[in-house]
Amino acid sequence: MQTQYQRLSKLLTRKQGANSAELAKAAPSLSIHKRVSEMAYRLGWTITKRKEQGKLTVYFGTPPKAK
């Protein structure tokens, strides 16, 4: 079984990114925005979001570089 972070990371690293509905489906028990923020601040991910007028916000993630 994968952790919520693992499921979210698969979605965030896709070429098309992921919208909040897709992220909520992958981690249904918690606030998605909180979980994505934790990935950025605690795990070192770079999270970007893109919103086009009249469309859903799409989130993209880049994992931290290995040291």
C-alpha atoms as a PDB file:
ATOM      1  CA  MET A   1       0.000   0.000   0.000  1.00  0.00           C
ATOM      2  CA  GLN A   2       1.295   3.460  -0.896  1.00  0.00           C
ATOM      3  CA  THR A   3       1.380   6.415   1.456  1.00  0.00           C
ATOM      4  CA  GLN A   4      -0.590   9.562   0.691  1.00  0.00           C
ATOM      5  CA  TYR A   5       2.654  11.333  -0.178  1.00  0.00           C
ATOM      6  CA  GLN A   6       3.540   8.617  -2.690  1.00  0.00           C
ATOM      7  CA  ARG A   7       0.127   8.783  -4.347  1.00  0.00           C
ATOM      8  CA  LEU A   8       0.247  12.590  -4.503  1.00  0.00           C
ATOM      9  CA  SER A   9       3.796  12.604  -5.855  1.00  0.00           C
ATOM     10  CA  LYS A  10       2.749  10.400  -8.800  1.00  0.00           C
ATOM     11  CA  LEU A  11       0.017  12.868  -9.714  1.00  0.00           C
ATOM     12  CA  LEU A  12       2.116  15.998  -9.226  1.00  0.00           C
ATOM     13  CA  THR A  13       4.977  14.752 -11.388  1.00  0.00           C
ATOM     14  CA  ARG A  14       2.781  13.894 -14.376  1.00  0.00           C
ATOM     15  CA  LYS A  15       3.298  16.023 -17.484  1.00  0.00           C
ATOM     16  CA  GLN A  16      -0.271  17.379 -17.221  1.00  0.00           C
ATOM     17  CA  GLY A  17      -0.049  17.853 -13.424  1.00  0.00           C
ATOM     18  CA  ALA A  18      -3.133  17.295 -11.266  1.00  0.00           C
ATOM     19  CA  ASN A  19      -6.162  19.337 -10.281  1.00  0.00           C
ATOM     20  CA  SER A  20      -7.523  19.476  -6.741  1.00  0.00           C
ATOM     21  CA  ALA A  21     -10.224  16.869  -7.474  1.00  0.00           C
ATOM     22  CA  GLU A  22      -7.597  14.343  -8.571  1.00  0.00           C
ATOM     23  CA  LEU A  23      -5.478  15.120  -5.524  1.00  0.00           C
ATOM     24  CA  ALA A  24      -8.492  14.753  -3.215  1.00  0.00           C
ATOM     25  CA  LYS A  25      -9.263  11.351  -4.699  1.00  0.00           C
ATOM     26  CA  ALA A  26      -5.680  10.196  -4.056  1.00  0.00           C
ATOM     27  CA  ALA A  27      -5.686  11.376  -0.407  1.00  0.00           C
ATOM     28  CA  PRO A  28      -9.351  11.571   0.656  1.00  0.00           C
ATOM     29  CA  SER A  29      -8.944  11.834   4.410  1.00  0.00           C
ATOM     30  CA  LEU A  30      -7.141  15.160   4.693  1.00  0.00           C
ATOM     31  CA  SER A  31      -7.059  18.683   3.326  1.00  0.00           C
ATOM     32  CA  ILE A  32      -5.251  18.507   0.005  1.00  0.00           C
ATOM     33  CA  HIS A  33      -3.870  22.024   0.250  1.00  0.00           C
ATOM     34  CA  LYS A  34      -2.390  21.236   3.653  1.00  0.00           C
ATOM     35  CA  ARG A  35      -0.829  18.006   2.391  1.00  0.00           C
ATOM     36  CA  VAL A  36       0.681  19.731  -0.664  1.00  0.00           C
ATOM     37  CA  SER A  37       2.053  22.502   1.584  1.00  0.00           C
ATOM     38  CA  GLU A  38       3.628  19.872   3.830  1.00  0.00           C
ATOM     39  CA  MET A  39       5.301  18.293   0.816  1.00  0.00           C
ATOM     40  CA  ALA A  40       6.836  21.670  -0.020  1.00  0.00           C
ATOM     41  CA  TYR A  41       7.960  22.716   3.457  1.00  0.00           C
ATOM     42  CA  ARG A  42       8.791  19.434   5.169  1.00  0.00           C
ATOM     43  CA  LEU A  43       9.912  17.290   2.255  1.00  0.00           C
ATOM     44  CA  GLY A  44      11.514  19.956   0.059  1.00  0.00           C
ATOM     45  CA  TRP A  45       9.251  19.661  -2.984  1.00  0.00           C
ATOM     46  CA  THR A  46       8.811  22.590  -5.363  1.00  0.00           C
ATOM     47  CA  ILE A  47       5.074  23.010  -5.929  1.00  0.00           C
ATOM     48  CA  THR A  48       3.739  25.272  -8.660  1.00  0.00           C
ATOM     49  CA  LYS A  49       0.201  25.925  -9.737  1.00  0.00           C
ATOM     50  CA  ARG A  50      -1.256  27.216 -12.954  1.00  0.00           C
ATOM     51  CA  LYS A  51      -4.751  28.571 -13.437  1.00  0.00           C
ATOM     52  CA  GLU A  52      -6.205  29.626 -16.718  1.00  0.00           C
ATOM     53  CA  GLN A  53      -9.302  31.779 -16.794  1.00  0.00           C
ATOM     54  CA  GLY A  54     -12.429  29.670 -16.444  1.00  0.00           C
ATOM     55  CA  LYS A  55     -10.523  26.434 -15.749  1.00  0.00           C
ATOM     56  CA  LEU A  56      -9.430  24.455 -12.709  1.00  0.00           C
ATOM     57  CA  THR A  57      -6.124  25.146 -11.005  1.00  0.00           C
ATOM     58  CA  VAL A  58      -3.521  22.566 -11.985  1.00  0.00           C
ATOM     59  CA  TYR A  59      -0.703  21.687  -9.584  1.00  0.00           C
ATOM     60  CA  PHE A  60       2.771  20.493 -10.559  1.00  0.00           C
ATOM     61  CA  GLY A  61       5.514  19.170  -8.317  1.00  0.00           C
ATOM     62  CA  THR A  62       9.252  18.699  -8.543  1.00  0.00           C
ATOM     63  CA  PRO A  63      10.848  16.447  -5.930  1.00  0.00           C
ATOM     64  CA  PRO A  64      13.925  17.604  -4.019  1.00  0.00           C
ATOM     65  CA  LYS A  65      17.256  16.769  -5.581  1.00  0.00           C
ATOM     66  CA  ALA A  66      19.197  13.945  -3.971  1.00  0.00           C
ATOM     67  CA  LYS A  67      22.253  15.037  -2.052  1.00  0.00           C
END
